[in-house]
Amino acid sequence: MACSHFGGWVALIRAREERFARADNWSAREPRTFPGGYAFVVKRLRALRERLSHGHRPPTGPLTTAEATEAEELRKETLAEDAETIEREQRKSEPDSSSG
């Protein structure tokens, strides 16, 4: 005994099954539908295409010699800039001994 609120769904499913059973070829069947309809499918396809069109993924293995050298130079430059910034901030925060 099925619940009354499932009655509509049961009838719909049975009608589709009968229609599919009578269909002689695949083209007579109803197209597959997705939640959200056409826009949902297009959005997913566009996301897939954009993800695939950006070329290959960057390597995740160890750096080459040139890449390691470049990374080390950048690290040294950044450390020097950070040290200068810290020194400047400390000078700003120090109270003037001459005004006291």
C-alpha atoms as a PDB file:
ATOM      1  CA  MET A   1       0.000   0.000   0.000  1.00  0.00           C
ATOM      2  CA  ALA A   2       1.626   3.244  -1.183  1.00  0.00           C
ATOM      3  CA  CYS A   3       1.213   6.574   0.550  1.00  0.00           C
ATOM      4  CA  SER A   4      -1.199   8.960  -1.162  1.00  0.00           C
ATOM      5  CA  HIS A   5       1.405  11.679  -1.782  1.00  0.00           C
ATOM      6  CA  PHE A   6       3.464   9.265  -3.916  1.00  0.00           C
ATOM      7  CA  GLY A   7       0.523   8.461  -6.178  1.00  0.00           C
ATOM      8  CA  GLY A   8       1.383  11.116  -8.763  1.00  0.00           C
ATOM      9  CA  TRP A   9       4.976  10.009  -8.980  1.00  0.00           C
ATOM     10  CA  VAL A  10       4.070   6.363  -9.306  1.00  0.00           C
ATOM     11  CA  ALA A  11       1.702   7.157 -12.170  1.00  0.00           C
ATOM     12  CA  LEU A  12       4.345   9.276 -13.891  1.00  0.00           C
ATOM     13  CA  ILE A  13       6.970   6.554 -13.604  1.00  0.00           C
ATOM     14  CA  ARG A  14       4.603   3.887 -14.903  1.00  0.00           C
ATOM     15  CA  ALA A  15       3.626   6.088 -17.867  1.00  0.00           C
ATOM     16  CA  ARG A  16       7.286   6.617 -18.766  1.00  0.00           C
ATOM     17  CA  GLU A  17       8.057   2.915 -18.460  1.00  0.00           C
ATOM     18  CA  GLU A  18       5.162   2.077 -20.789  1.00  0.00           C
ATOM     19  CA  ARG A  19       6.276   4.707 -23.301  1.00  0.00           C
ATOM     20  CA  PHE A  20       9.854   3.373 -23.222  1.00  0.00           C
ATOM     21  CA  ALA A  21       8.634  -0.195 -23.640  1.00  0.00           C
ATOM     22  CA  ARG A  22       6.729   0.831 -26.782  1.00  0.00           C
ATOM     23  CA  ALA A  23       9.626   2.786 -28.258  1.00  0.00           C
ATOM     24  CA  ASP A  24      11.301   0.958 -31.111  1.00  0.00           C
ATOM     25  CA  ASN A  25      14.432   3.102 -31.107  1.00  0.00           C
ATOM     26  CA  TRP A  26      16.424   5.328 -28.764  1.00  0.00           C
ATOM     27  CA  SER A  27      15.388   8.566 -30.469  1.00  0.00           C
ATOM     28  CA  ALA A  28      11.763   8.045 -29.391  1.00  0.00           C
ATOM     29  CA  ARG A  29      12.727   8.226 -25.734  1.00  0.00           C
ATOM     30  CA  GLU A  30      12.514  11.438 -23.768  1.00  0.00           C
ATOM     31  CA  PRO A  31      15.753  13.386 -23.387  1.00  0.00           C
ATOM     32  CA  ARG A  32      17.439  13.223 -20.017  1.00  0.00           C
ATOM     33  CA  THR A  33      16.677  16.240 -17.876  1.00  0.00           C
ATOM     34  CA  PHE A  34      18.870  17.807 -15.199  1.00  0.00           C
ATOM     35  CA  PRO A  35      17.921  19.843 -12.158  1.00  0.00           C
ATOM     36  CA  GLY A  36      17.949  23.457 -13.260  1.00  0.00           C
ATOM     37  CA  GLY A  37      17.423  22.519 -16.910  1.00  0.00           C
ATOM     38  CA  TYR A  38      19.463  23.772 -19.834  1.00  0.00           C
ATOM     39  CA  ALA A  39      21.272  26.513 -17.903  1.00  0.00           C
ATOM     40  CA  PHE A  40      22.678  23.993 -15.448  1.00  0.00           C
ATOM     41  CA  VAL A  41      24.124  21.831 -18.224  1.00  0.00           C
ATOM     42  CA  VAL A  42      25.604  24.796 -20.091  1.00  0.00           C
ATOM     43  CA  LYS A  43      27.174  26.166 -16.920  1.00  0.00           C
ATOM     44  CA  ARG A  44      28.822  22.816 -16.155  1.00  0.00           C
ATOM     45  CA  LEU A  45      30.108  22.437 -19.727  1.00  0.00           C
ATOM     46  CA  ARG A  46      31.506  25.980 -19.716  1.00  0.00           C
ATOM     47  CA  ALA A  47      33.320  25.317 -16.428  1.00  0.00           C
ATOM     48  CA  LEU A  48      34.801  22.111 -17.836  1.00  0.00           C
ATOM     49  CA  ARG A  49      35.925  23.850 -21.038  1.00  0.00           C
ATOM     50  CA  GLU A  50      37.560  26.720 -19.113  1.00  0.00           C
ATOM     51  CA  ARG A  51      39.350  24.282 -16.833  1.00  0.00           C
ATOM     52  CA  LEU A  52      40.655  22.298 -19.810  1.00  0.00           C
ATOM     53  CA  SER A  53      41.618  25.304 -21.941  1.00  0.00           C
ATOM     54  CA  HIS A  54      44.247  26.618 -19.523  1.00  0.00           C
ATOM     55  CA  GLY A  55      46.828  24.165 -20.744  1.00  0.00           C
ATOM     56  CA  HIS A  56      48.767  21.722 -18.661  1.00  0.00           C
ATOM     57  CA  ARG A  57      49.056  21.842 -14.903  1.00  0.00           C
ATOM     58  CA  PRO A  58      52.270  23.315 -13.524  1.00  0.00           C
ATOM     59  CA  PRO A  59      54.729  20.675 -12.380  1.00  0.00           C
ATOM     60  CA  THR A  60      54.554  19.662  -8.734  1.00  0.00           C
ATOM     61  CA  GLY A  61      57.909  17.915  -8.523  1.00  0.00           C
ATOM     62  CA  PRO A  62      61.269  19.317  -7.412  1.00  0.00           C
ATOM     63  CA  LEU A  63      62.484  22.595  -8.889  1.00  0.00           C
ATOM     64  CA  THR A  64      65.023  22.684 -11.670  1.00  0.00           C
ATOM     65  CA  THR A  65      68.389  24.361 -11.033  1.00  0.00           C
ATOM     66  CA  ALA A  66      67.288  27.575 -12.753  1.00  0.00           C
ATOM     67  CA  GLU A  67      64.002  27.660 -10.837  1.00  0.00           C
ATOM     68  CA  ALA A  68      65.772  27.019  -7.536  1.00  0.00           C
ATOM     69  CA  THR A  69      68.267  29.820  -8.234  1.00  0.00           C
ATOM     70  CA  GLU A  70      65.477  32.233  -9.130  1.00  0.00           C
ATOM     71  CA  ALA A  71      63.504  31.273  -6.016  1.00  0.00           C
ATOM     72  CA  GLU A  72      66.568  31.793  -3.795  1.00  0.00           C
ATOM     73  CA  GLU A  73      67.228  35.252  -5.299  1.00  0.00           C
ATOM     74  CA  LEU A  74      63.595  36.227  -4.788  1.00  0.00           C
ATOM     75  CA  ARG A  75      63.724  34.978  -1.185  1.00  0.00           C
ATOM     76  CA  LYS A  76      66.836  37.076  -0.464  1.00  0.00           C
ATOM     77  CA  GLU A  77      65.249  40.199  -2.023  1.00  0.00           C
ATOM     78  CA  THR A  78      62.095  39.676   0.008  1.00  0.00           C
ATOM     79  CA  LEU A  79      64.046  39.180   3.245  1.00  0.00           C
ATOM     80  CA  ALA A  80      66.017  42.386   2.602  1.00  0.00           C
ATOM     81  CA  GLU A  81      62.815  44.350   1.900  1.00  0.00           C
ATOM     82  CA  ASP A  82      61.164  42.910   5.008  1.00  0.00           C
ATOM     83  CA  ALA A  83      64.185  43.822   7.150  1.00  0.00           C
ATOM     84  CA  GLU A  84      64.119  47.401   5.823  1.00  0.00           C
ATOM     85  CA  THR A  85      60.394  47.674   6.523  1.00  0.00           C
ATOM     86  CA  ILE A  86      60.803  46.333  10.074  1.00  0.00           C
ATOM     87  CA  GLU A  87      63.686  48.728  10.750  1.00  0.00           C
ATOM     88  CA  ARG A  88      61.685  51.688   9.429  1.00  0.00           C
ATOM     89  CA  GLU A  89      58.661  50.740  11.562  1.00  0.00           C
ATOM     90  CA  GLN A  90      60.847  50.419  14.659  1.00  0.00           C
ATOM     91  CA  ARG A  91      62.357  53.872  14.070  1.00  0.00           C
ATOM     92  CA  LYS A  92      58.852  55.340  13.753  1.00  0.00           C
ATOM     93  CA  SER A  93      57.668  53.712  16.967  1.00  0.00           C
ATOM     94  CA  GLU A  94      60.718  54.772  19.056  1.00  0.00           C
ATOM     95  CA  PRO A  95      60.055  57.871  21.174  1.00  0.00           C
ATOM     96  CA  ASP A  96      62.313  60.876  20.500  1.00  0.00           C
ATOM     97  CA  SER A  97      64.924  61.130  23.268  1.00  0.00           C
ATOM     98  CA  SER A  98      65.714  64.753  22.363  1.00  0.00           C
ATOM     99  CA  SER A  99      62.169  66.027  23.010  1.00  0.00           C
ATOM    100  CA  GLY A 100      61.939  64.562  26.551  1.00  0.00           C
END
